[in-house]
Amino acid sequence: MTQSSRRNFLKTSALGSASLIGAAGAPLESAYAQSNSPKSTLEIKALEITKNLYAEDGLAIPIATKPTVSRFAKGMDRTLVLGGGGEYYIAWYCGFFHGLIEQGLDMIRLPEMLVGTSAGSYMGSSLLSGEFLRLRTEFEFFAKFPEILAKLAPVAKPNLSQLRADRINMSAVDGSIETRRVIGHAGLASDNKLNGDRLEKLAALLTGDSKKDWPSSRMYTTGIDCYTGERIVVNQLTARKNNIPLSHGVAASSSLPGVDGPTLLGQRYVMDGGICSNPAHIDLVAGSKRALIITLTDGVTGAILTTIPHPIAQNIKDIEATGTKTMWIVAGTPQGVNLLDPKQIAGALRIGYDRSKVEGPKIKAFWA
């Protein structure tokens, strides 16, 4: 299915947003705050039951809706944010970081914290595990990587339940928790068994021995709880507390409704981290000294995998207001590209590699 045909599923709807006031006085969204939409008694009770049962797993982290210093990034210098964008963007990342490493940029050691979403979770985990460095030296890069990455592509034609989840996702007009719940419930009800566990297998391939542990304390993956609509953040601490291996965290962050997953993290079914209005989860690095942010689009133009509005420029302004200096790289996509098409992979590798020659000197200057 092409991106242009996916956009034709867009319909109009209006769902309210929810927020509460955080400890620092900054508004934070919440699955349990008052909503503009009336809820039944059972809906209210169900949310309260969930809140009580899951309060101790540490996975649900509200998205900051105003400038708020992140407890994860406070006191750090160099942080790295890698947004999502399907198979195309994984290939772009591989070419890009291959080129940066060629230029002498140690992208494995430089970031003190790396937030990865969807394609960015693959790349970030591969970098910090050291597996990307091994793969790029073990294989002839431009000959072997297209074959490796092609295994990421969906193998099944969409069935009715997948089409429903996809079309609901592509009908969203806001990023509220209510909207994310509706999309998440459709994802939960999708029959994705023909695609199976390919996401987890590919994550293990790109990250090495990550089926049992979360090896890097610097790696953070993101997702959305399908039942509550809450933002899920996994790091080494919460991963080990909930018995979540890195390959599961990466797979969950990439579980696009109607295509793959959802993926079970602890006792939460989680979908793609891009299904929200802060698609790269930039707020998680607010308060660090310098944040390098790389996204596929500017949030307004280019190929998309959801129609939830993505105000990335505002997300960046919010962390800059906390004192964080930012460098934002927008990868961009050729017109009409299908982000899930394996035939795009070889070209994306080359485009990313060529882009690294332009951005490498700027990154050196920014992180010097």
Protein backbone atom coordinates (compact mmCIF):
# COMPACT_ATOMS: atom_id res chain seq x y z
CA MET A 1 0.00 0.00 0.00
CA THR A 2 1.47 3.37 -1.04
CA GLN A 3 1.62 6.37 1.23
CA SER A 4 -0.66 8.33 -1.11
CA SER A 5 -3.35 5.65 -0.91
CA ARG A 6 -2.98 5.53 2.89
CA ARG A 7 -3.66 9.26 3.07
CA ASN A 8 -7.00 8.72 1.33
CA PHE A 9 -8.23 7.04 4.52
CA LEU A 10 -8.19 10.37 6.38
CA LYS A 11 -11.58 11.23 7.83
CA THR A 12 -12.64 14.03 10.13
CA SER A 13 -13.24 13.42 13.82
CA ALA A 14 -12.73 15.31 17.05
CA LEU A 15 -11.53 13.76 20.28
CA GLY A 16 -10.71 15.65 23.43
CA SER A 17 -7.30 15.80 25.06
CA ALA A 18 -6.44 15.24 28.71
CA SER A 19 -3.86 16.90 30.91
CA LEU A 20 -2.83 17.34 34.52
CA ILE A 21 -0.37 19.49 36.38
CA GLY A 22 2.96 17.81 37.12
CA ALA A 23 5.06 18.18 40.24
CA ALA A 24 7.08 20.98 38.64
CA GLY A 25 3.92 22.89 37.69
CA ALA A 26 4.16 22.04 33.97
CA PRO A 27 1.16 20.44 32.27
CA LEU A 28 1.53 16.72 31.60
CA GLU A 29 -0.91 14.58 29.71
CA SER A 30 -2.54 11.76 31.61
CA ALA A 31 -4.74 8.79 30.87
CA TYR A 32 -6.59 9.49 34.10
CA ALA A 33 -7.27 13.23 33.88
CA GLN A 34 -10.64 14.74 33.07
CA SER A 35 -11.58 14.52 29.39
CA ASN A 36 -13.81 16.59 27.14
CA SER A 37 -15.58 13.35 26.20
CA PRO A 38 -18.00 11.88 28.78
CA LYS A 39 -17.07 8.41 30.01
CA SER A 40 -19.29 5.65 31.28
CA THR A 41 -19.01 4.52 34.89
CA LEU A 42 -17.26 1.34 33.78
CA GLU A 43 -14.75 3.24 31.63
CA ILE A 44 -13.83 5.41 34.60
CA LYS A 45 -13.57 2.34 36.84
CA ALA A 46 -11.45 0.48 34.28
CA LEU A 47 -8.93 3.33 34.11
CA GLU A 48 -8.75 3.49 37.89
CA ILE A 49 -8.19 -0.27 38.12
CA THR A 50 -5.42 -0.04 35.54
CA LYS A 51 -3.82 2.91 37.33
CA ASN A 52 -3.70 0.98 40.60
CA LEU A 53 -2.49 -2.31 39.13
CA TYR A 54 0.26 -0.83 36.94
CA ALA A 55 1.46 1.97 39.21
CA GLU A 56 4.68 0.19 40.13
CA ASP A 57 6.02 -0.97 36.74
CA GLY A 58 7.56 2.44 36.01
CA LEU A 59 6.91 2.24 32.26
CA ALA A 60 4.25 4.94 31.74
CA ILE A 61 5.87 8.38 31.46
CA PRO A 62 3.49 11.28 30.63
CA ILE A 63 4.47 13.42 27.64
CA ALA A 64 5.33 16.96 28.70
CA THR A 65 3.02 19.46 27.04
CA LYS A 66 5.06 22.49 28.16
CA PRO A 67 8.80 23.06 28.67
CA THR A 68 9.82 20.64 31.44
CA VAL A 69 13.28 19.36 32.39
CA SER A 70 13.39 15.58 31.96
CA ARG A 71 14.52 13.62 34.98
CA PHE A 72 16.33 11.28 32.59
CA ALA A 73 18.45 13.97 30.89
CA LYS A 74 19.06 16.40 33.74
CA GLY A 75 22.80 17.11 34.09
CA MET A 76 23.76 15.40 30.82
CA ASP A 77 25.78 16.99 28.04
CA ARG A 78 25.27 15.18 24.69
CA THR A 79 21.94 13.50 24.01
CA LEU A 80 20.72 11.96 20.75
CA VAL A 81 17.12 11.58 19.53
CA LEU A 82 16.33 9.32 16.57
CA GLY A 83 12.77 9.43 15.23
CA GLY A 84 10.87 6.80 13.25
CA GLY A 85 9.92 6.17 9.63
CA GLY A 86 9.66 2.54 8.53
CA GLU A 87 12.07 0.37 6.60
CA TYR A 88 13.13 3.28 4.42
CA TYR A 89 14.34 5.25 7.41
CA ILE A 90 16.18 2.31 9.00
CA ALA A 91 18.15 2.04 5.76
CA TRP A 92 18.73 5.81 5.67
CA TYR A 93 20.03 5.68 9.23
CA CYS A 94 22.39 2.82 8.41
CA GLY A 95 23.87 4.72 5.48
CA PHE A 96 24.05 7.94 7.50
CA PHE A 97 25.82 6.48 10.52
CA HIS A 98 28.10 4.39 8.31
CA GLY A 99 29.24 7.66 6.74
CA LEU A 100 29.63 9.46 10.09
CA ILE A 101 31.81 6.67 11.45
CA GLU A 102 33.93 6.84 8.29
CA GLN A 103 34.49 10.53 9.08
CA GLY A 104 35.84 9.68 12.53
CA LEU A 105 32.73 10.52 14.54
CA ASP A 106 32.41 7.96 17.34
CA MET A 107 28.62 7.79 17.35
CA ILE A 108 28.77 4.77 19.67
CA ARG A 109 30.48 6.58 22.55
CA LEU A 110 29.47 10.23 22.06
CA PRO A 111 25.79 10.13 23.16
CA GLU A 112 25.29 9.98 26.93
CA MET A 113 21.62 9.18 26.32
CA LEU A 114 19.88 7.97 23.16
CA VAL A 115 16.11 8.08 22.68
CA GLY A 116 14.97 5.87 19.80
CA THR A 117 11.49 5.54 18.35
CA SER A 118 10.51 2.91 15.78
CA ALA A 119 13.27 3.01 13.12
CA GLY A 120 15.31 5.10 15.54
CA SER A 121 15.06 2.40 18.19
CA TYR A 122 16.58 -0.10 15.75
CA MET A 123 19.42 2.21 14.83
CA GLY A 124 20.08 3.43 18.36
CA SER A 125 20.13 -0.06 19.82
CA SER A 126 22.38 -1.31 17.03
CA LEU A 127 24.79 1.56 17.65
CA LEU A 128 25.00 1.31 21.43
CA SER A 129 25.22 -2.48 21.45
CA GLY A 130 28.25 -2.28 19.13
CA GLU A 131 26.54 -4.61 16.67
CA PHE A 132 26.29 -2.00 13.92
CA LEU A 133 30.04 -1.48 14.05
CA ARG A 134 30.57 -5.23 13.74
CA LEU A 135 28.10 -5.60 10.86
CA ARG A 136 29.51 -2.71 8.83
CA THR A 137 33.06 -4.07 9.10
CA GLU A 138 32.15 -7.73 8.64
CA PHE A 139 30.11 -7.23 5.44
CA GLU A 140 30.62 -5.16 2.31
CA PHE A 141 28.19 -2.45 3.35
CA PHE A 142 26.28 -1.48 0.22
CA ALA A 143 26.18 -5.06 -1.06
CA LYS A 144 25.00 -6.87 2.07
CA PHE A 145 22.88 -4.39 4.01
CA PRO A 146 19.99 -4.19 1.51
CA GLU A 147 19.58 -7.96 1.85
CA ILE A 148 19.66 -7.78 5.65
CA LEU A 149 17.21 -4.90 5.91
CA ALA A 150 14.79 -6.33 3.34
CA LYS A 151 13.89 -8.91 5.98
CA LEU A 152 12.20 -6.08 7.90
CA ALA A 153 9.53 -5.56 5.27
CA PRO A 154 6.00 -6.88 5.94
CA VAL A 155 5.48 -10.26 4.31
CA ALA A 156 1.69 -10.47 4.33
CA LYS A 157 -1.00 -8.70 2.34
CA PRO A 158 -3.29 -6.89 4.79
CA ASN A 159 -6.41 -8.73 5.95
CA LEU A 160 -9.63 -7.04 7.07
CA SER A 161 -8.56 -6.55 10.68
CA GLN A 162 -5.24 -5.09 9.56
CA LEU A 163 -6.96 -2.77 7.11
CA ARG A 164 -9.28 -1.61 9.89
CA ALA A 165 -6.37 -0.75 12.19
CA ASP A 166 -4.49 0.97 9.37
CA ARG A 167 -7.47 3.03 8.28
CA ILE A 168 -8.34 4.05 11.84
CA ASN A 169 -4.72 5.13 12.35
CA MET A 170 -4.81 7.08 9.09
CA SER A 171 -8.06 8.78 10.14
CA ALA A 172 -6.67 10.44 13.26
CA VAL A 173 -6.76 14.23 13.43
CA ASP A 174 -5.30 14.77 16.91
CA GLY A 175 -2.81 13.16 19.27
CA SER A 176 -4.97 12.92 22.38
CA ILE A 177 -4.88 9.91 24.66
CA GLU A 178 -8.44 9.04 23.61
CA THR A 179 -7.36 8.94 19.96
CA ARG A 180 -4.40 6.73 20.81
CA ARG A 181 -6.64 4.35 22.73
CA VAL A 182 -8.92 3.92 19.72
CA ILE A 183 -5.93 3.20 17.47
CA GLY A 184 -4.41 0.92 20.09
CA HIS A 185 -7.58 -1.10 20.49
CA ALA A 186 -7.72 -1.59 16.72
CA GLY A 187 -4.09 -2.71 16.80
CA LEU A 188 -4.87 -5.18 19.59
CA ALA A 189 -7.73 -6.60 17.51
CA SER A 190 -5.58 -7.07 14.38
CA ASP A 191 -4.62 -10.48 13.05
CA ASN A 192 -0.92 -9.93 12.37
CA LYS A 193 0.25 -13.52 12.83
CA LEU A 194 1.47 -13.88 9.24
CA ASN A 195 4.10 -11.25 9.93
CA GLY A 196 4.85 -13.11 13.14
CA ASP A 197 7.83 -12.22 15.26
CA ARG A 198 9.91 -10.71 12.46
CA LEU A 199 10.38 -7.43 14.32
CA GLU A 200 11.93 -9.13 17.32
CA LYS A 201 14.14 -11.34 15.14
CA LEU A 202 15.41 -8.37 13.17
CA ALA A 203 16.00 -6.43 16.38
CA ALA A 204 18.10 -9.31 17.66
CA LEU A 205 20.03 -9.41 14.39
CA LEU A 206 20.81 -5.69 14.51
CA THR A 207 21.51 -5.51 18.24
CA GLY A 208 23.36 -8.78 18.84
CA ASP A 209 22.59 -10.83 21.93
CA SER A 210 19.64 -8.79 23.15
CA LYS A 211 16.98 -11.45 23.66
CA LYS A 212 17.62 -11.78 27.39
CA ASP A 213 18.84 -8.42 28.66
CA TRP A 214 19.03 -4.66 28.11
CA PRO A 215 22.80 -4.22 27.75
CA SER A 216 23.10 -0.41 27.48
CA SER A 217 22.08 1.98 30.26
CA ARG A 218 22.12 4.82 27.70
CA MET A 219 19.40 3.36 25.44
CA TYR A 220 15.75 4.43 25.80
CA THR A 221 12.96 3.11 23.59
CA THR A 222 9.46 4.52 23.35
CA GLY A 223 6.00 3.20 22.59
CA ILE A 224 2.29 3.69 23.28
CA ASP A 225 0.22 1.46 25.59
CA CYS A 226 -2.55 0.11 23.36
CA TYR A 227 -5.09 -0.09 26.19
CA THR A 228 -4.55 3.21 28.03
CA GLY A 229 -2.94 5.37 25.32
CA GLU A 230 -0.10 6.27 27.69
CA ARG A 231 3.47 6.89 26.52
CA ILE A 232 5.79 4.00 27.44
CA VAL A 233 9.51 4.56 28.00
CA VAL A 234 11.89 1.67 28.59
CA ASN A 235 15.44 2.01 29.84
CA GLN A 236 17.79 -0.46 31.45
CA LEU A 237 16.32 0.02 34.93
CA THR A 238 12.67 -0.51 33.99
CA ALA A 239 13.59 -3.20 31.46
CA ARG A 240 15.26 -5.34 34.10
CA LYS A 241 12.49 -4.65 36.60
CA ASN A 242 9.86 -5.90 34.12
CA ASN A 243 11.96 -8.59 32.40
CA ILE A 244 11.99 -6.77 29.05
CA PRO A 245 14.87 -7.63 26.69
CA LEU A 246 16.13 -4.96 24.31
CA SER A 247 14.83 -6.81 21.25
CA HIS A 248 11.29 -6.61 22.69
CA GLY A 249 11.63 -2.90 23.41
CA VAL A 250 12.75 -2.24 19.85
CA ALA A 251 9.99 -4.45 18.41
CA ALA A 252 7.32 -2.68 20.46
CA SER A 253 8.55 0.75 19.39
CA SER A 254 8.14 -0.40 15.77
CA SER A 255 4.76 -2.17 16.08
CA LEU A 256 2.75 -0.18 13.55
CA PRO A 257 -1.01 -0.83 13.95
CA GLY A 258 -2.32 -3.01 11.15
CA VAL A 259 1.17 -4.14 10.13
CA ASP A 260 2.94 -5.69 13.12
CA GLY A 261 2.46 -6.38 16.79
CA PRO A 262 1.47 -5.06 19.26
CA THR A 263 4.36 -6.31 21.39
CA LEU A 264 4.07 -7.37 25.02
CA LEU A 265 6.33 -5.34 27.33
CA GLY A 266 6.03 -6.52 30.90
CA GLN A 267 2.25 -6.79 31.14
CA ARG A 268 1.41 -4.04 28.64
CA TYR A 269 0.73 -4.47 24.94
CA VAL A 270 2.58 -1.66 23.21
CA MET A 271 2.40 -0.17 19.71
CA ASP A 272 4.62 2.09 17.64
CA GLY A 273 6.04 5.08 19.49
CA GLY A 274 5.26 7.39 16.57
CA ILE A 275 1.52 7.18 17.25
CA CYS A 276 1.38 10.44 19.23
CA SER A 277 1.91 14.18 18.80
CA ASN A 278 5.53 14.10 20.03
CA PRO A 279 6.63 11.38 17.59
CA ALA A 280 10.35 11.46 18.43
CA HIS A 281 9.69 11.96 22.17
CA ILE A 282 12.01 14.94 22.23
CA ASP A 283 10.79 15.99 25.67
CA LEU A 284 12.78 13.12 27.20
CA VAL A 285 16.09 14.93 26.57
CA ALA A 286 14.94 18.34 27.84
CA GLY A 287 17.50 19.80 30.21
CA SER A 288 20.54 18.20 28.63
CA LYS A 289 23.19 20.64 27.42
CA ARG A 290 23.20 19.67 23.71
CA ALA A 291 20.67 17.52 21.88
CA LEU A 292 21.16 16.20 18.35
CA ILE A 293 17.72 15.42 16.91
CA ILE A 294 17.21 13.50 13.66
CA THR A 295 13.74 13.00 12.20
CA LEU A 296 12.46 11.71 8.87
CA THR A 297 10.22 14.73 8.21
CA ASP A 298 9.64 18.19 9.62
CA GLY A 299 6.24 16.95 10.80
CA VAL A 300 4.40 18.88 8.09
CA THR A 301 5.65 17.63 4.73
CA GLY A 302 6.87 14.28 3.45
CA ALA A 303 5.84 10.63 3.77
CA ILE A 304 3.91 9.62 6.88
CA LEU A 305 2.81 6.47 8.73
CA THR A 306 0.04 8.17 10.75
CA THR A 307 -2.07 11.29 10.29
CA ILE A 308 -1.74 12.38 13.92
CA PRO A 309 -0.33 15.93 13.74
CA HIS A 310 3.41 16.05 14.44
CA PRO A 311 4.44 19.54 15.68
CA ILE A 312 8.13 18.64 15.83
CA ALA A 313 9.31 22.25 15.59
CA GLN A 314 7.27 23.11 18.69
CA ASN A 315 8.54 20.01 20.49
CA ILE A 316 12.06 21.30 19.88
CA LYS A 317 11.22 24.85 20.98
CA ASP A 318 9.89 23.42 24.24
CA ILE A 319 13.17 21.71 25.13
CA GLU A 320 15.15 24.76 24.03
CA ALA A 321 13.13 26.72 26.59
CA THR A 322 14.65 24.50 29.30
CA GLY A 323 18.16 25.58 28.23
CA THR A 324 18.97 22.73 25.83
CA LYS A 325 20.86 23.68 22.67
CA THR A 326 19.62 21.70 19.69
CA MET A 327 20.75 20.62 16.25
CA TRP A 328 17.89 19.31 14.12
CA ILE A 329 18.48 17.23 11.00
CA VAL A 330 15.48 16.40 8.80
CA ALA A 331 16.27 13.42 6.60
CA GLY A 332 13.49 14.01 4.07
CA THR A 333 12.11 11.50 1.58
CA PRO A 334 11.83 11.41 -2.21
CA GLN A 335 8.34 12.27 -3.45
CA GLY A 336 5.95 9.31 -3.46
CA VAL A 337 8.24 6.97 -1.49
CA ASN A 338 6.62 4.02 0.30
CA LEU A 339 8.29 3.80 3.70
CA LEU A 340 7.51 0.08 4.02
CA ASP A 341 8.73 -1.03 0.57
CA PRO A 342 11.93 -3.14 0.63
CA LYS A 343 12.73 -1.99 -2.92
CA GLN A 344 13.49 1.45 -1.44
CA ILE A 345 16.22 0.16 0.86
CA ALA A 346 19.28 0.26 -1.43
CA GLY A 347 18.49 3.83 -2.49
CA ALA A 348 17.87 4.95 1.07
CA LEU A 349 21.26 3.58 2.15
CA ARG A 350 23.00 5.69 -0.49
CA ILE A 351 20.95 8.80 0.28
CA GLY A 352 21.73 8.54 3.98
CA TYR A 353 25.41 7.97 3.28
CA ASP A 354 25.60 11.01 0.99
CA ARG A 355 23.79 13.13 3.58
CA SER A 356 26.38 12.19 6.22
CA LYS A 357 29.04 14.00 4.20
CA VAL A 358 27.04 17.22 4.53
CA GLU A 359 26.07 16.86 8.18
CA GLY A 360 29.23 15.22 9.58
CA PRO A 361 31.30 18.44 9.92
CA LYS A 362 28.31 20.24 11.49
CA ILE A 363 27.85 17.46 14.06
CA LYS A 364 31.55 17.58 14.90
CA ALA A 365 31.29 21.32 15.51
CA PHE A 366 28.09 20.95 17.57
CA TRP A 367 29.39 18.17 19.81
CA ALA A 368 33.04 19.29 19.95
